[in-house]
Amino acid sequence: MSGREDYEERRQARIDRLEARAKKEADLAAAEFKQSHDLVKDIPFGQPNIVGRPQLPRLRERSAAAMDRAMVHDQKAAHYESRAEAAANNRAISGDDPNALDKLAVKLQALEAAQNMDKARNAYYRKHKTIRGFPGLPDDKAAHIDAELSKEPERLRRPVPAWCLSNRNAEINRLKKRMEALRAVDEMECVSIGFEGGRIVTNEEINRVQIIFDEKPDDGVRARLKSYGFRWAPSEGAWQAQRSPAALRRAKYICGVKETDD
């Protein structure tokens, strides 16, 4: 099965980590703001110096430095808050989501329904030279559409522009290809392939193709791994990429394993 069972837990954990980082930075900013204020709160505004207190210039310097640190922490807090919000609101369908195929199918169905509806609108307009009377379309909205179309050259008059249909059709085809790719992942067998210096593993549990070396690879090999989309995962002790037939082929190529060796 494609995806990983702990996907939602990992997603929420990432949001929680970002929110915790934001809170930590916000707390540090507040502490630095307070220190900046406390250092100079007893100095009258505009007072250049006070006899017997030669340390005043130094206090002002320390206050300014604390304010600078506070601003840095405040900016970091805003950065992590933004990332946490983006992660929470992200509606992209990840290949790690075990329900990805079902979600993509729902999205595809909605796009195809919208495409069919818009094609029907254009066909109705071509036949009747008006959109009035199209099923489900209120007369006032139809009148507005007709009025807007009357401003266009006759050869370009259609309720739904060609570019809109073209763009949606491209998205439909993209979704179909992605669903085919996920089905191909579902059909993958779990394998462990040895090569000189390590082994390649398809780890279904975490949805990764992993390359596990007996010893740390040199700089050239690491650069090659990165160029082919593999990233080092300290928790796994492996270089890995999201599981797919293409990722497995890349792993074999990197490690000098012939396809016929399976």
C-alpha atoms as a PDB file:
ATOM      1  CA  MET A   1       0.000   0.000   0.000  1.00  0.00           C
ATOM      2  CA  SER A   2       1.254   3.477  -0.833  1.00  0.00           C
ATOM      3  CA  GLY A   3       1.587   6.039   1.909  1.00  0.00           C
ATOM      4  CA  ARG A   4       2.386   5.549   5.558  1.00  0.00           C
ATOM      5  CA  GLU A   5      -0.012   4.855   8.398  1.00  0.00           C
ATOM      6  CA  ASP A   6       1.464   7.537  10.648  1.00  0.00           C
ATOM      7  CA  TYR A   7       1.049  10.292   8.036  1.00  0.00           C
ATOM      8  CA  GLU A   8      -1.530  12.341   9.972  1.00  0.00           C
ATOM      9  CA  GLU A   9       0.425  11.995  13.223  1.00  0.00           C
ATOM     10  CA  ARG A  10       3.621  13.146  11.485  1.00  0.00           C
ATOM     11  CA  ARG A  11       1.797  16.032   9.833  1.00  0.00           C
ATOM     12  CA  GLN A  12       0.348  17.212  13.153  1.00  0.00           C
ATOM     13  CA  ALA A  13       3.710  16.718  14.877  1.00  0.00           C
ATOM     14  CA  ARG A  14       5.334  19.022  12.317  1.00  0.00           C
ATOM     15  CA  ILE A  15       2.696  21.687  12.925  1.00  0.00           C
ATOM     16  CA  ASP A  16       3.187  21.329  16.691  1.00  0.00           C
ATOM     17  CA  ARG A  17       6.982  21.660  16.328  1.00  0.00           C
ATOM     18  CA  LEU A  18       6.637  24.837  14.268  1.00  0.00           C
ATOM     19  CA  GLU A  19       4.150  26.322  16.732  1.00  0.00           C
ATOM     20  CA  ALA A  20       6.486  25.463  19.626  1.00  0.00           C
ATOM     21  CA  ARG A  21       9.406  27.143  17.826  1.00  0.00           C
ATOM     22  CA  ALA A  22       7.257  30.220  17.237  1.00  0.00           C
ATOM     23  CA  LYS A  23       6.269  30.397  20.905  1.00  0.00           C
ATOM     24  CA  LYS A  24       9.874  29.966  22.042  1.00  0.00           C
ATOM     25  CA  GLU A  25      11.044  32.796  19.801  1.00  0.00           C
ATOM     26  CA  ALA A  26       8.140  35.003  20.897  1.00  0.00           C
ATOM     27  CA  ASP A  27       9.016  34.394  24.561  1.00  0.00           C
ATOM     28  CA  LEU A  28      12.669  35.247  23.892  1.00  0.00           C
ATOM     29  CA  ALA A  29      11.616  38.412  22.076  1.00  0.00           C
ATOM     30  CA  ALA A  30       9.434  39.457  25.012  1.00  0.00           C
ATOM     31  CA  ALA A  31      12.295  38.854  27.457  1.00  0.00           C
ATOM     32  CA  GLU A  32      14.730  40.906  25.370  1.00  0.00           C
ATOM     33  CA  PHE A  33      12.197  43.731  24.953  1.00  0.00           C
ATOM     34  CA  LYS A  34      11.745  43.795  28.729  1.00  0.00           C
ATOM     35  CA  GLN A  35      15.494  43.813  29.353  1.00  0.00           C
ATOM     36  CA  SER A  36      15.947  46.644  26.856  1.00  0.00           C
ATOM     37  CA  HIS A  37      13.283  48.676  28.650  1.00  0.00           C
ATOM     38  CA  ASP A  38      14.484  47.884  32.168  1.00  0.00           C
ATOM     39  CA  LEU A  39      18.068  48.936  31.430  1.00  0.00           C
ATOM     40  CA  VAL A  40      17.085  52.525  30.665  1.00  0.00           C
ATOM     41  CA  LYS A  41      13.698  52.980  32.364  1.00  0.00           C
ATOM     42  CA  ASP A  42      15.178  55.168  35.132  1.00  0.00           C
ATOM     43  CA  ILE A  43      17.086  57.432  32.754  1.00  0.00           C
ATOM     44  CA  PRO A  44      15.150  60.625  31.900  1.00  0.00           C
ATOM     45  CA  PHE A  45      14.314  60.861  28.206  1.00  0.00           C
ATOM     46  CA  GLY A  46      16.982  62.876  26.375  1.00  0.00           C
ATOM     47  CA  GLN A  47      19.320  62.872  29.386  1.00  0.00           C
ATOM     48  CA  PRO A  48      22.884  62.860  27.947  1.00  0.00           C
ATOM     49  CA  ASN A  49      24.504  61.815  31.236  1.00  0.00           C
ATOM     50  CA  ILE A  50      24.158  62.145  34.974  1.00  0.00           C
ATOM     51  CA  VAL A  51      27.020  63.195  37.244  1.00  0.00           C
ATOM     52  CA  GLY A  52      28.229  60.225  39.218  1.00  0.00           C
ATOM     53  CA  ARG A  53      26.773  57.688  36.734  1.00  0.00           C
ATOM     54  CA  PRO A  54      29.419  57.243  34.054  1.00  0.00           C
ATOM     55  CA  GLN A  55      27.872  53.899  33.142  1.00  0.00           C
ATOM     56  CA  LEU A  56      24.870  55.464  31.364  1.00  0.00           C
ATOM     57  CA  PRO A  57      26.318  55.266  27.818  1.00  0.00           C
ATOM     58  CA  ARG A  58      27.068  51.592  28.411  1.00  0.00           C
ATOM     59  CA  LEU A  59      23.513  51.007  29.638  1.00  0.00           C
ATOM     60  CA  ARG A  60      22.152  52.601  26.483  1.00  0.00           C
ATOM     61  CA  GLU A  61      24.391  50.349  24.362  1.00  0.00           C
ATOM     62  CA  ARG A  62      23.210  47.266  26.212  1.00  0.00           C
ATOM     63  CA  SER A  63      19.602  48.389  25.851  1.00  0.00           C
ATOM     64  CA  ALA A  64      20.039  48.885  22.106  1.00  0.00           C
ATOM     65  CA  ALA A  65      21.699  45.472  21.774  1.00  0.00           C
ATOM     66  CA  ALA A  66      18.824  43.833  23.672  1.00  0.00           C
ATOM     67  CA  MET A  67      16.348  45.593  21.378  1.00  0.00           C
ATOM     68  CA  ASP A  68      18.212  44.289  18.321  1.00  0.00           C
ATOM     69  CA  ARG A  69      18.072  40.736  19.699  1.00  0.00           C
ATOM     70  CA  ALA A  70      14.373  41.173  20.449  1.00  0.00           C
ATOM     71  CA  MET A  71      13.697  42.189  16.854  1.00  0.00           C
ATOM     72  CA  VAL A  72      15.557  39.129  15.548  1.00  0.00           C
ATOM     73  CA  HIS A  73      13.560  36.794  17.809  1.00  0.00           C
ATOM     74  CA  ASP A  74      10.337  38.569  16.848  1.00  0.00           C
ATOM     75  CA  GLN A  75      11.078  38.044  13.147  1.00  0.00           C
ATOM     76  CA  LYS A  76      11.842  34.367  13.761  1.00  0.00           C
ATOM     77  CA  ALA A  77       8.587  33.967  15.689  1.00  0.00           C
ATOM     78  CA  ALA A  78       6.645  35.453  12.768  1.00  0.00           C
ATOM     79  CA  HIS A  79       8.511  33.141  10.366  1.00  0.00           C
ATOM     80  CA  TYR A  80       7.636  29.988  12.312  1.00  0.00           C
ATOM     81  CA  GLU A  81       4.052  31.139  12.868  1.00  0.00           C
ATOM     82  CA  SER A  82       3.693  31.592   9.111  1.00  0.00           C
ATOM     83  CA  ARG A  83       5.129  28.143   8.413  1.00  0.00           C
ATOM     84  CA  ALA A  84       2.866  26.518  11.020  1.00  0.00           C
ATOM     85  CA  GLU A  85      -0.189  28.231   9.517  1.00  0.00           C
ATOM     86  CA  ALA A  86       0.840  27.176   6.005  1.00  0.00           C
ATOM     87  CA  ALA A  87       1.335  23.578   7.153  1.00  0.00           C
ATOM     88  CA  ALA A  88      -2.051  23.532   8.891  1.00  0.00           C
ATOM     89  CA  ASN A  89      -3.840  25.000   5.843  1.00  0.00           C
ATOM     90  CA  ASN A  90      -1.989  22.941   3.253  1.00  0.00           C
ATOM     91  CA  ARG A  91      -4.539  20.961   1.249  1.00  0.00           C
ATOM     92  CA  ALA A  92      -2.051  19.411  -1.154  1.00  0.00           C
ATOM     93  CA  ILE A  93      -2.389  15.639  -1.348  1.00  0.00           C
ATOM     94  CA  SER A  94       0.860  14.000  -0.279  1.00  0.00           C
ATOM     95  CA  GLY A  95       2.102  10.690  -1.603  1.00  0.00           C
ATOM     96  CA  ASP A  96       2.728   9.758   2.040  1.00  0.00           C
ATOM     97  CA  ASP A  97      -1.007  10.012   2.765  1.00  0.00           C
ATOM     98  CA  PRO A  98      -2.430   6.463   2.787  1.00  0.00           C
ATOM     99  CA  ASN A  99      -5.748   7.930   1.565  1.00  0.00           C
ATOM    100  CA  ALA A 100      -4.095   9.792  -1.317  1.00  0.00           C
ATOM    101  CA  LEU A 101      -5.725   7.684  -4.033  1.00  0.00           C
ATOM    102  CA  ASP A 102      -9.218   8.176  -2.615  1.00  0.00           C
ATOM    103  CA  LYS A 103      -8.658  11.929  -2.215  1.00  0.00           C
ATOM    104  CA  LEU A 104      -7.293  12.233  -5.743  1.00  0.00           C
ATOM    105  CA  ALA A 105     -10.280  10.284  -7.078  1.00  0.00           C
ATOM    106  CA  VAL A 106     -12.691  12.714  -5.388  1.00  0.00           C
ATOM    107  CA  LYS A 107     -10.766  15.695  -6.762  1.00  0.00           C
ATOM    108  CA  LEU A 108     -10.689  14.164 -10.248  1.00  0.00           C
ATOM    109  CA  GLN A 109     -14.422  13.490 -10.176  1.00  0.00           C
ATOM    110  CA  ALA A 110     -15.131  17.116  -9.252  1.00  0.00           C
ATOM    111  CA  LEU A 111     -12.863  18.444 -12.009  1.00  0.00           C
ATOM    112  CA  GLU A 112     -14.398  16.171 -14.641  1.00  0.00           C
ATOM    113  CA  ALA A 113     -17.905  17.200 -13.572  1.00  0.00           C
ATOM    114  CA  ALA A 114     -16.965  20.884 -13.841  1.00  0.00           C
ATOM    115  CA  GLN A 115     -15.349  20.272 -17.242  1.00  0.00           C
ATOM    116  CA  ASN A 116     -18.442  18.525 -18.576  1.00  0.00           C
ATOM    117  CA  MET A 117     -20.681  21.288 -17.252  1.00  0.00           C
ATOM    118  CA  ASP A 118     -18.602  24.036 -18.860  1.00  0.00           C
ATOM    119  CA  LYS A 119     -18.456  22.204 -22.181  1.00  0.00           C
ATOM    120  CA  ALA A 120     -22.245  21.863 -22.051  1.00  0.00           C
ATOM    121  CA  ARG A 121     -22.571  25.619 -21.440  1.00  0.00           C
ATOM    122  CA  ASN A 122     -20.460  26.400 -24.478  1.00  0.00           C
ATOM    123  CA  ALA A 123     -22.403  23.929 -26.629  1.00  0.00           C
ATOM    124  CA  TYR A 124     -25.719  25.442 -25.478  1.00  0.00           C
ATOM    125  CA  TYR A 125     -24.517  28.931 -26.336  1.00  0.00           C
ATOM    126  CA  ARG A 126     -23.309  27.864 -29.792  1.00  0.00           C
ATOM    127  CA  LYS A 127     -26.725  26.398 -30.532  1.00  0.00           C
ATOM    128  CA  HIS A 128     -28.961  29.112 -29.067  1.00  0.00           C
ATOM    129  CA  LYS A 129     -26.700  32.195 -29.287  1.00  0.00           C
ATOM    130  CA  THR A 130     -27.638  32.867 -25.662  1.00  0.00           C
ATOM    131  CA  ILE A 131     -26.986  31.190 -22.340  1.00  0.00           C
ATOM    132  CA  ARG A 132     -30.498  32.047 -21.107  1.00  0.00           C
ATOM    133  CA  GLY A 133     -32.422  28.863 -20.423  1.00  0.00           C
ATOM    134  CA  PHE A 134     -29.378  26.751 -19.566  1.00  0.00           C
ATOM    135  CA  PRO A 135     -30.447  24.299 -16.813  1.00  0.00           C
ATOM    136  CA  GLY A 136     -29.733  25.580 -13.331  1.00  0.00           C
ATOM    137  CA  LEU A 137     -28.590  29.041 -14.429  1.00  0.00           C
ATOM    138  CA  PRO A 138     -30.698  31.957 -13.060  1.00  0.00           C
ATOM    139  CA  ASP A 139     -32.048  34.379 -15.660  1.00  0.00           C
ATOM    140  CA  ASP A 140     -30.326  37.408 -14.123  1.00  0.00           C
ATOM    141  CA  LYS A 141     -26.924  35.700 -14.219  1.00  0.00           C
ATOM    142  CA  ALA A 142     -27.593  34.479 -17.784  1.00  0.00           C
ATOM    143  CA  ALA A 143     -28.462  38.040 -18.843  1.00  0.00           C
ATOM    144  CA  HIS A 144     -25.204  39.314 -17.356  1.00  0.00           C
ATOM    145  CA  ILE A 145     -23.174  36.639 -19.175  1.00  0.00           C
ATOM    146  CA  ASP A 146     -24.927  37.416 -22.472  1.00  0.00           C
ATOM    147  CA  ALA A 147     -24.224  41.124 -22.012  1.00  0.00           C
ATOM    148  CA  GLU A 148     -20.525  40.500 -21.371  1.00  0.00           C
ATOM    149  CA  LEU A 149     -20.222  38.141 -24.339  1.00  0.00           C
ATOM    150  CA  SER A 150     -21.839  40.680 -26.653  1.00  0.00           C
ATOM    151  CA  LYS A 151     -18.747  42.851 -26.130  1.00  0.00           C
ATOM    152  CA  GLU A 152     -16.497  40.158 -27.609  1.00  0.00           C
ATOM    153  CA  PRO A 153     -15.935  39.391 -31.328  1.00  0.00           C
ATOM    154  CA  GLU A 154     -18.477  36.775 -32.404  1.00  0.00           C
ATOM    155  CA  ARG A 155     -15.797  34.144 -33.087  1.00  0.00           C
ATOM    156  CA  LEU A 156     -14.619  34.386 -29.456  1.00  0.00           C
ATOM    157  CA  ARG A 157     -18.006  34.286 -27.798  1.00  0.00           C
ATOM    158  CA  ARG A 158     -18.278  31.376 -25.384  1.00  0.00           C
ATOM    159  CA  PRO A 159     -19.374  31.383 -21.724  1.00  0.00           C
ATOM    160  CA  VAL A 160     -16.268  29.464 -20.659  1.00  0.00           C
ATOM    161  CA  PRO A 161     -13.004  30.574 -22.339  1.00  0.00           C
ATOM    162  CA  ALA A 162     -10.969  27.973 -24.190  1.00  0.00           C
ATOM    163  CA  TRP A 163      -7.959  28.577 -21.940  1.00  0.00           C
ATOM    164  CA  CYS A 164     -10.023  27.653 -18.878  1.00  0.00           C
ATOM    165  CA  LEU A 165     -11.062  24.329 -20.405  1.00  0.00           C
ATOM    166  CA  SER A 166      -7.499  23.693 -21.563  1.00  0.00           C
ATOM    167  CA  ASN A 167      -5.978  24.370 -18.146  1.00  0.00           C
ATOM    168  CA  ARG A 168      -8.511  22.186 -16.377  1.00  0.00           C
ATOM    169  CA  ASN A 169      -7.980  19.403 -18.894  1.00  0.00           C
ATOM    170  CA  ALA A 170      -4.235  19.541 -18.199  1.00  0.00           C
ATOM    171  CA  GLU A 171      -4.938  19.259 -14.458  1.00  0.00           C
ATOM    172  CA  ILE A 172      -7.247  16.293 -15.075  1.00  0.00           C
ATOM    173  CA  ASN A 173      -4.529  14.525 -17.049  1.00  0.00           C
ATOM    174  CA  ARG A 174      -1.952  15.338 -14.358  1.00  0.00           C
ATOM    175  CA  LEU A 175      -4.182  13.798 -11.681  1.00  0.00           C
ATOM    176  CA  LYS A 176      -4.747  10.683 -13.757  1.00  0.00           C
ATOM    177  CA  LYS A 177      -1.000  10.213 -14.216  1.00  0.00           C
ATOM    178  CA  ARG A 178      -0.402  10.739 -10.515  1.00  0.00           C
ATOM    179  CA  MET A 179      -3.033   8.145  -9.654  1.00  0.00           C
ATOM    180  CA  GLU A 180      -1.379   5.714 -12.059  1.00  0.00           C
ATOM    181  CA  ALA A 181       1.952   6.370 -10.332  1.00  0.00           C
ATOM    182  CA  LEU A 182       0.443   5.679  -6.891  1.00  0.00           C
ATOM    183  CA  ARG A 183      -1.139   2.458  -8.145  1.00  0.00           C
ATOM    184  CA  ALA A 184       2.293   1.431  -9.430  1.00  0.00           C
ATOM    185  CA  VAL A 185       3.651   2.004  -5.906  1.00  0.00           C
ATOM    186  CA  ASP A 186       0.891  -0.216  -4.502  1.00  0.00           C
ATOM    187  CA  GLU A 187       2.017  -2.991  -6.848  1.00  0.00           C
ATOM    188  CA  MET A 188       5.678  -2.807  -5.794  1.00  0.00           C
ATOM    189  CA  GLU A 189       7.128  -5.801  -4.014  1.00  0.00           C
ATOM    190  CA  CYS A 190       9.212  -5.367  -0.879  1.00  0.00           C
ATOM    191  CA  VAL A 191      12.818  -6.033  -1.865  1.00  0.00           C
ATOM    192  CA  SER A 192      16.243  -6.043  -0.267  1.00  0.00           C
ATOM    193  CA  ILE A 193      19.011  -5.936  -2.841  1.00  0.00           C
ATOM    194  CA  GLY A 194      22.626  -6.288  -1.816  1.00  0.00           C
ATOM    195  CA  PHE A 195      25.459  -4.540  -3.603  1.00  0.00           C
ATOM    196  CA  GLU A 196      29.135  -4.132  -2.870  1.00  0.00           C
ATOM    197  CA  GLY A 197      29.218  -1.843   0.154  1.00  0.00           C
ATOM    198  CA  GLY A 198      25.573  -1.952   1.217  1.00  0.00           C
ATOM    199  CA  ARG A 199      22.008  -2.790   0.281  1.00  0.00           C
ATOM    200  CA  ILE A 200      18.859  -1.254  -1.206  1.00  0.00           C
ATOM    201  CA  VAL A 201      15.570  -1.708   0.639  1.00  0.00           C
ATOM    202  CA  THR A 202      12.003  -0.785  -0.237  1.00  0.00           C
ATOM    203  CA  ASN A 203      10.575   0.137   3.136  1.00  0.00           C
ATOM    204  CA  GLU A 204       6.804  -0.071   2.811  1.00  0.00           C
ATOM    205  CA  GLU A 205       6.159   0.973   6.417  1.00  0.00           C
ATOM    206  CA  ILE A 206       7.614   4.470   5.924  1.00  0.00           C
ATOM    207  CA  ASN A 207       7.020   4.587   2.149  1.00  0.00           C
ATOM    208  CA  ARG A 208      10.684   5.022   1.212  1.00  0.00           C
ATOM    209  CA  VAL A 209      13.322   3.475  -1.031  1.00  0.00           C
ATOM    210  CA  GLN A 210      16.414   3.301   1.156  1.00  0.00           C
ATOM    211  CA  ILE A 211      20.104   2.904   0.386  1.00  0.00           C
ATOM    212  CA  ILE A 212      22.000   1.655   3.424  1.00  0.00           C
ATOM    213  CA  PHE A 213      25.786   1.800   3.140  1.00  0.00           C
ATOM    214  CA  ASP A 214      28.171  -0.273   5.241  1.00  0.00           C
ATOM    215  CA  GLU A 215      30.384   2.788   5.577  1.00  0.00           C
ATOM    216  CA  LYS A 216      29.880   6.500   5.039  1.00  0.00           C
ATOM    217  CA  PRO A 217      30.021   7.200   1.275  1.00  0.00           C
ATOM    218  CA  ASP A 218      32.552   9.712  -0.008  1.00  0.00           C
ATOM    219  CA  ASP A 219      31.735  13.265  -1.124  1.00  0.00           C
ATOM    220  CA  GLY A 220      31.274  12.277  -4.762  1.00  0.00           C
ATOM    221  CA  VAL A 221      28.769   9.536  -3.958  1.00  0.00           C
ATOM    222  CA  ARG A 222      26.849  11.798  -1.570  1.00  0.00           C
ATOM    223  CA  ALA A 223      26.642  14.502  -4.229  1.00  0.00           C
ATOM    224  CA  ARG A 224      25.333  11.926  -6.678  1.00  0.00           C
ATOM    225  CA  LEU A 225      22.730  10.685  -4.197  1.00  0.00           C
ATOM    226  CA  LYS A 226      21.458  14.221  -3.680  1.00  0.00           C
ATOM    227  CA  SER A 227      21.338  14.899  -7.410  1.00  0.00           C
ATOM    228  CA  TYR A 228      19.071  11.854  -7.830  1.00  0.00           C
ATOM    229  CA  GLY A 229      16.688  12.956  -5.078  1.00  0.00           C
ATOM    230  CA  PHE A 230      17.984  10.919  -2.146  1.00  0.00           C
ATOM    231  CA  ARG A 231      18.345  12.573   1.259  1.00  0.00           C
ATOM    232  CA  TRP A 232      20.150  11.419   4.367  1.00  0.00           C
ATOM    233  CA  ALA A 233      17.813  10.319   7.203  1.00  0.00           C
ATOM    234  CA  PRO A 234      19.787  10.027  10.469  1.00  0.00           C
ATOM    235  CA  SER A 235      16.865   8.326  12.228  1.00  0.00           C
ATOM    236  CA  GLU A 236      16.927   5.552   9.615  1.00  0.00           C
ATOM    237  CA  GLY A 237      20.676   5.440   9.002  1.00  0.00           C
ATOM    238  CA  ALA A 238      19.892   5.501   5.298  1.00  0.00           C
ATOM    239  CA  TRP A 239      19.776   7.644   2.187  1.00  0.00           C
ATOM    240  CA  GLN A 240      16.188   7.594   1.034  1.00  0.00           C
ATOM    241  CA  ALA A 241      13.572   8.883  -1.387  1.00  0.00           C
ATOM    242  CA  GLN A 242       9.803   8.462  -1.534  1.00  0.00           C
ATOM    243  CA  ARG A 243       8.970   4.942  -2.643  1.00  0.00           C
ATOM    244  CA  SER A 244       8.241   4.502  -6.347  1.00  0.00           C
ATOM    245  CA  PRO A 245       9.439   2.271  -9.204  1.00  0.00           C
ATOM    246  CA  ALA A 246      11.432   5.243 -10.539  1.00  0.00           C
ATOM    247  CA  ALA A 247      13.148   5.785  -7.171  1.00  0.00           C
ATOM    248  CA  LEU A 248      14.069   2.108  -7.034  1.00  0.00           C
ATOM    249  CA  ARG A 249      15.536   2.295 -10.553  1.00  0.00           C
ATOM    250  CA  ARG A 250      17.572   5.352  -9.562  1.00  0.00           C
ATOM    251  CA  ALA A 251      18.852   3.580  -6.459  1.00  0.00           C
ATOM    252  CA  LYS A 252      19.963   0.589  -8.535  1.00  0.00           C
ATOM    253  CA  TYR A 253      21.693   2.851 -11.034  1.00  0.00           C
ATOM    254  CA  ILE A 254      23.564   4.742  -8.313  1.00  0.00           C
ATOM    255  CA  CYS A 255      24.695   1.514  -6.662  1.00  0.00           C
ATOM    256  CA  GLY A 256      25.611  -0.279  -9.888  1.00  0.00           C
ATOM    257  CA  VAL A 257      22.864  -2.884  -9.644  1.00  0.00           C
ATOM    258  CA  LYS A 258      21.639  -4.162 -13.007  1.00  0.00           C
ATOM    259  CA  GLU A 259      17.896  -4.362 -13.558  1.00  0.00           C
ATOM    260  CA  THR A 260      18.246  -8.018 -14.559  1.00  0.00           C
ATOM    261  CA  ASP A 261      19.601  -8.846 -11.100  1.00  0.00           C
ATOM    262  CA  ASP A 262      16.087  -8.873  -9.579  1.00  0.00           C
END
